[in-house]
Amino acid sequence: MPVTESTPQPQRPHAIVAGVSMRDLLASCAAASAVSTPPRLPDPGTAGRPPAEHRNAA
């Protein structure tokens, strides 16, 4: 009768997160998103209007 040997299962890597809070992680993701997002195009309705006149300081 053959002897069945148990083959070790490969270990999945464990994420090691030391000293990073969820708040800091979410803040860094929001900052990266804000930096990598291109600016919006101007509103087509306001593109042809001249800017409002400024009043002179007294």
PDB file of N, CA and C in Angstrom:
ATOM      1  N   MET A   1       0.843  -1.161   0.000  1.00  0.00           N
ATOM      2  CA  MET A   1       0.000   0.000   0.000  1.00  0.00           C
ATOM      3  C   MET A   1       0.901   1.241   0.000  1.00  0.00           C
ATOM      4  N   PRO A   2       0.681   2.192  -0.918  1.00  0.00           N
ATOM      5  CA  PRO A   2       1.557   3.378  -0.967  1.00  0.00           C
ATOM      6  C   PRO A   2       1.257   4.325   0.203  1.00  0.00           C
ATOM      7  N   VAL A   3       2.286   4.937   0.643  1.00  0.00           N
ATOM      8  CA  VAL A   3       2.158   5.909   1.739  1.00  0.00           C
ATOM      9  C   VAL A   3       1.909   7.280   1.114  1.00  0.00           C
ATOM     10  N   THR A   4       0.833   7.918   1.529  1.00  0.00           N
ATOM     11  CA  THR A   4       0.555   9.260   1.001  1.00  0.00           C
ATOM     12  C   THR A   4       1.289  10.277   1.846  1.00  0.00           C
ATOM     13  N   GLU A   5       2.024  11.086   1.172  1.00  0.00           N
ATOM     14  CA  GLU A   5       2.757  12.137   1.871  1.00  0.00           C
ATOM     15  C   GLU A   5       1.968  13.432   1.751  1.00  0.00           C
ATOM     16  N   SER A   6       1.926  14.143   2.812  1.00  0.00           N
ATOM     17  CA  SER A   6       1.218  15.423   2.740  1.00  0.00           C
ATOM     18  C   SER A   6       2.161  16.460   2.129  1.00  0.00           C
ATOM     19  N   THR A   7       1.683  17.053   1.089  1.00  0.00           N
ATOM     20  CA  THR A   7       2.494  18.085   0.440  1.00  0.00           C
ATOM     21  C   THR A   7       2.132  19.427   1.070  1.00  0.00           C
ATOM     22  N   PRO A   8       3.122  20.185   1.434  1.00  0.00           N
ATOM     23  CA  PRO A   8       2.825  21.473   2.066  1.00  0.00           C
ATOM     24  C   PRO A   8       2.155  22.423   1.058  1.00  0.00           C
ATOM     25  N   GLN A   9       1.121  23.075   1.530  1.00  0.00           N
ATOM     26  CA  GLN A   9       0.426  24.041   0.683  1.00  0.00           C
ATOM     27  C   GLN A   9       1.231  25.340   0.664  1.00  0.00           C
ATOM     28  N   PRO A  10       1.293  25.988  -0.487  1.00  0.00           N
ATOM     29  CA  PRO A  10       2.032  27.251  -0.537  1.00  0.00           C
ATOM     30  C   PRO A  10       1.354  28.304   0.339  1.00  0.00           C
ATOM     31  N   GLN A  11       2.153  29.019   1.064  1.00  0.00           N
ATOM     32  CA  GLN A  11       1.628  30.043   1.947  1.00  0.00           C
ATOM     33  C   GLN A  11       1.296  31.293   1.141  1.00  0.00           C
ATOM     34  N   ARG A  12       0.141  31.881   1.437  1.00  0.00           N
ATOM     35  CA  ARG A  12      -0.197  33.150   0.805  1.00  0.00           C
ATOM     36  C   ARG A  12       0.544  34.256   1.533  1.00  0.00           C
ATOM     37  N   PRO A  13       1.028  35.227   0.802  1.00  0.00           N
ATOM     38  CA  PRO A  13       1.743  36.317   1.477  1.00  0.00           C
ATOM     39  C   PRO A  13       0.772  37.128   2.337  1.00  0.00           C
ATOM     40  N   HIS A  14       1.228  37.509   3.492  1.00  0.00           N
ATOM     41  CA  HIS A  14       0.412  38.295   4.401  1.00  0.00           C
ATOM     42  C   HIS A  14       0.811  39.762   4.256  1.00  0.00           C
ATOM     43  N   ALA A  15      -0.171  40.611   4.217  1.00  0.00           N
ATOM     44  CA  ALA A  15       0.115  42.036   4.154  1.00  0.00           C
ATOM     45  C   ALA A  15       0.586  42.495   5.533  1.00  0.00           C
ATOM     46  N   ILE A  16       1.721  43.121   5.532  1.00  0.00           N
ATOM     47  CA  ILE A  16       2.253  43.638   6.788  1.00  0.00           C
ATOM     48  C   ILE A  16       2.086  45.149   6.754  1.00  0.00           C
ATOM     49  N   VAL A  17       1.171  45.621   7.558  1.00  0.00           N
ATOM     50  CA  VAL A  17       0.918  47.048   7.629  1.00  0.00           C
ATOM     51  C   VAL A  17       1.199  47.475   9.062  1.00  0.00           C
ATOM     52  N   ALA A  18       2.273  48.182   9.216  1.00  0.00           N
ATOM     53  CA  ALA A  18       2.642  48.608  10.559  1.00  0.00           C
ATOM     54  C   ALA A  18       2.598  50.127  10.633  1.00  0.00           C
ATOM     55  N   GLY A  19       1.765  50.642  11.507  1.00  0.00           N
ATOM     56  CA  GLY A  19       1.747  52.071  11.749  1.00  0.00           C
ATOM     57  C   GLY A  19       0.974  52.900  10.742  1.00  0.00           C
ATOM     58  N   VAL A  20       0.161  52.315   9.884  1.00  0.00           N
ATOM     59  CA  VAL A  20      -0.628  53.081   8.922  1.00  0.00           C
ATOM     60  C   VAL A  20      -2.091  52.922   9.298  1.00  0.00           C
ATOM     61  N   SER A  21      -2.710  54.040   9.637  1.00  0.00           N
ATOM     62  CA  SER A  21      -4.117  53.967  10.014  1.00  0.00           C
ATOM     63  C   SER A  21      -4.992  53.980   8.763  1.00  0.00           C
ATOM     64  N   MET A  22      -6.203  53.522   8.905  1.00  0.00           N
ATOM     65  CA  MET A  22      -7.139  53.514   7.780  1.00  0.00           C
ATOM     66  C   MET A  22      -7.407  54.945   7.331  1.00  0.00           C
ATOM     67  N   ARG A  23      -7.472  55.880   8.263  1.00  0.00           N
ATOM     68  CA  ARG A  23      -7.711  57.284   7.919  1.00  0.00           C
ATOM     69  C   ARG A  23      -6.587  57.818   7.035  1.00  0.00           C
ATOM     70  N   ASP A  24      -5.329  57.519   7.390  1.00  0.00           N
ATOM     71  CA  ASP A  24      -4.201  57.971   6.587  1.00  0.00           C
ATOM     72  C   ASP A  24      -4.197  57.313   5.212  1.00  0.00           C
ATOM     73  N   LEU A  25      -4.553  56.054   5.165  1.00  0.00           N
ATOM     74  CA  LEU A  25      -4.609  55.345   3.890  1.00  0.00           C
ATOM     75  C   LEU A  25      -5.670  55.942   2.976  1.00  0.00           C
ATOM     76  N   LEU A  26      -6.857  56.212   3.521  1.00  0.00           N
ATOM     77  CA  LEU A  26      -7.921  56.809   2.716  1.00  0.00           C
ATOM     78  C   LEU A  26      -7.573  58.226   2.294  1.00  0.00           C
ATOM     79  N   ALA A  27      -6.923  58.980   3.165  1.00  0.00           N
ATOM     80  CA  ALA A  27      -6.516  60.342   2.817  1.00  0.00           C
ATOM     81  C   ALA A  27      -5.487  60.335   1.697  1.00  0.00           C
ATOM     82  N   SER A  28      -4.570  59.392   1.724  1.00  0.00           N
ATOM     83  CA  SER A  28      -3.565  59.333   0.663  1.00  0.00           C
ATOM     84  C   SER A  28      -4.199  58.937  -0.664  1.00  0.00           C
ATOM     85  N   CYS A  29      -5.197  58.070  -0.623  1.00  0.00           N
ATOM     86  CA  CYS A  29      -5.897  57.692  -1.861  1.00  0.00           C
ATOM     87  C   CYS A  29      -6.674  58.882  -2.424  1.00  0.00           C
ATOM     88  N   ALA A  30      -7.313  59.655  -1.555  1.00  0.00           N
ATOM     89  CA  ALA A  30      -8.056  60.830  -2.010  1.00  0.00           C
ATOM     90  C   ALA A  30      -7.110  61.875  -2.588  1.00  0.00           C
ATOM     91  N   ALA A  31      -5.949  62.059  -1.972  1.00  0.00           N
ATOM     92  CA  ALA A  31      -4.977  63.020  -2.476  1.00  0.00           C
ATOM     93  C   ALA A  31      -4.428  62.575  -3.826  1.00  0.00           C
ATOM     94  N   ALA A  32      -4.147  61.300  -3.976  1.00  0.00           N
ATOM     95  CA  ALA A  32      -3.641  60.793  -5.256  1.00  0.00           C
ATOM     96  C   ALA A  32      -4.684  60.952  -6.350  1.00  0.00           C
ATOM     97  N   SER A  33      -5.942  60.744  -6.013  1.00  0.00           N
ATOM     98  CA  SER A  33      -7.011  60.905  -6.991  1.00  0.00           C
ATOM     99  C   SER A  33      -7.148  62.369  -7.400  1.00  0.00           C
ATOM    100  N   ALA A  34      -7.052  63.281  -6.435  1.00  0.00           N
ATOM    101  CA  ALA A  34      -7.178  64.706  -6.737  1.00  0.00           C
ATOM    102  C   ALA A  34      -6.029  65.190  -7.608  1.00  0.00           C
ATOM    103  N   VAL A  35      -4.839  64.693  -7.364  1.00  0.00           N
ATOM    104  CA  VAL A  35      -3.678  65.122  -8.134  1.00  0.00           C
ATOM    105  C   VAL A  35      -3.697  64.549  -9.542  1.00  0.00           C
ATOM    106  N   SER A  36      -4.187  63.345  -9.701  1.00  0.00           N
ATOM    107  CA  SER A  36      -4.126  62.685 -11.004  1.00  0.00           C
ATOM    108  C   SER A  36      -5.338  62.977 -11.895  1.00  0.00           C
ATOM    109  N   THR A  37      -6.357  63.652 -11.361  1.00  0.00           N
ATOM    110  CA  THR A  37      -7.542  63.975 -12.154  1.00  0.00           C
ATOM    111  C   THR A  37      -7.310  65.279 -12.898  1.00  0.00           C
ATOM    112  N   PRO A  38      -7.485  65.302 -14.231  1.00  0.00           N
ATOM    113  CA  PRO A  38      -7.280  66.549 -14.974  1.00  0.00           C
ATOM    114  C   PRO A  38      -8.362  67.572 -14.626  1.00  0.00           C
ATOM    115  N   PRO A  39      -8.066  68.860 -14.810  1.00  0.00           N
ATOM    116  CA  PRO A  39      -9.064  69.875 -14.500  1.00  0.00           C
ATOM    117  C   PRO A  39     -10.268  69.772 -15.425  1.00  0.00           C
ATOM    118  N   ARG A  40     -11.411  70.226 -14.918  1.00  0.00           N
ATOM    119  CA  ARG A  40     -12.629  70.177 -15.724  1.00  0.00           C
ATOM    120  C   ARG A  40     -12.558  71.201 -16.844  1.00  0.00           C
ATOM    121  N   LEU A  41     -13.269  70.939 -17.928  1.00  0.00           N
ATOM    122  CA  LEU A  41     -13.398  71.911 -19.003  1.00  0.00           C
ATOM    123  C   LEU A  41     -14.342  73.014 -18.543  1.00  0.00           C
ATOM    124  N   PRO A  42     -14.167  74.250 -19.062  1.00  0.00           N
ATOM    125  CA  PRO A  42     -15.073  75.320 -18.656  1.00  0.00           C
ATOM    126  C   PRO A  42     -16.495  75.045 -19.120  1.00  0.00           C
ATOM    127  N   ASP A  43     -17.441  75.571 -18.370  1.00  0.00           N
ATOM    128  CA  ASP A  43     -18.850  75.415 -18.693  1.00  0.00           C
ATOM    129  C   ASP A  43     -19.128  76.128 -20.022  1.00  0.00           C
ATOM    130  N   PRO A  44     -19.734  75.451 -21.006  1.00  0.00           N
ATOM    131  CA  PRO A  44     -19.962  76.082 -22.310  1.00  0.00           C
ATOM    132  C   PRO A  44     -20.826  77.336 -22.220  1.00  0.00           C
ATOM    133  N   GLY A  45     -21.721  77.427 -21.254  1.00  0.00           N
ATOM    134  CA  GLY A  45     -22.582  78.594 -21.140  1.00  0.00           C
ATOM    135  C   GLY A  45     -21.847  79.841 -20.676  1.00  0.00           C
ATOM    136  N   THR A  46     -20.750  79.681 -19.960  1.00  0.00           N
ATOM    137  CA  THR A  46     -20.019  80.838 -19.450  1.00  0.00           C
ATOM    138  C   THR A  46     -18.777  81.153 -20.254  1.00  0.00           C
ATOM    139  N   ALA A  47     -18.462  80.375 -21.260  1.00  0.00           N
ATOM    140  CA  ALA A  47     -17.221  80.563 -22.009  1.00  0.00           C
ATOM    141  C   ALA A  47     -17.254  81.850 -22.835  1.00  0.00           C
ATOM    142  N   GLY A  48     -18.401  82.274 -23.363  1.00  0.00           N
ATOM    143  CA  GLY A  48     -18.457  83.440 -24.240  1.00  0.00           C
ATOM    144  C   GLY A  48     -18.708  84.742 -23.513  1.00  0.00           C
ATOM    145  N   ARG A  49     -19.076  84.710 -22.251  1.00  0.00           N
ATOM    146  CA  ARG A  49     -19.380  85.930 -21.513  1.00  0.00           C
ATOM    147  C   ARG A  49     -18.110  86.618 -21.045  1.00  0.00           C
ATOM    148  N   PRO A  50     -18.077  87.958 -21.119  1.00  0.00           N
ATOM    149  CA  PRO A  50     -16.910  88.657 -20.554  1.00  0.00           C
ATOM    150  C   PRO A  50     -16.974  88.608 -19.028  1.00  0.00           C
ATOM    151  N   PRO A  51     -15.841  88.704 -18.363  1.00  0.00           N
ATOM    152  CA  PRO A  51     -15.863  88.665 -16.895  1.00  0.00           C
ATOM    153  C   PRO A  51     -16.598  89.887 -16.349  1.00  0.00           C
ATOM    154  N   ALA A  52     -17.186  89.721 -15.182  1.00  0.00           N
ATOM    155  CA  ALA A  52     -17.898  90.830 -14.543  1.00  0.00           C
ATOM    156  C   ALA A  52     -16.906  91.931 -14.190  1.00  0.00           C
ATOM    157  N   GLU A  53     -17.364  93.179 -14.292  1.00  0.00           N
ATOM    158  CA  GLU A  53     -16.471  94.294 -13.986  1.00  0.00           C
ATOM    159  C   GLU A  53     -16.209  94.356 -12.497  1.00  0.00           C
ATOM    160  N   HIS A  54     -14.989  94.725 -12.180  1.00  0.00           N
ATOM    161  CA  HIS A  54     -14.603  94.856 -10.774  1.00  0.00           C
ATOM    162  C   HIS A  54     -14.763  96.295 -10.345  1.00  0.00           C
ATOM    163  N   ARG A  55     -15.204  96.460  -9.109  1.00  0.00           N
ATOM    164  CA  ARG A  55     -15.303  97.824  -8.577  1.00  0.00           C
ATOM    165  C   ARG A  55     -13.941  98.242  -8.064  1.00  0.00           C
ATOM    166  N   ASN A  56     -13.624  99.509  -8.198  1.00  0.00           N
ATOM    167  CA  ASN A  56     -12.365 100.022  -7.682  1.00  0.00           C
ATOM    168  C   ASN A  56     -12.462 100.201  -6.175  1.00  0.00           C
ATOM    169  N   ALA A  57     -11.379  99.964  -5.506  1.00  0.00           N
ATOM    170  CA  ALA A  57     -11.370 100.148  -4.054  1.00  0.00           C
ATOM    171  C   ALA A  57     -11.463 101.629  -3.740  1.00  0.00           C
ATOM    172  N   ALA A  58     -12.106 101.976  -2.647  1.00  0.00           N
ATOM    173  CA  ALA A  58     -12.307 103.383  -2.289  1.00  0.00           C
ATOM    174  C   ALA A  58     -11.042 103.993  -1.750  1.00  0.00           C
TER     175      ALA A  58
END
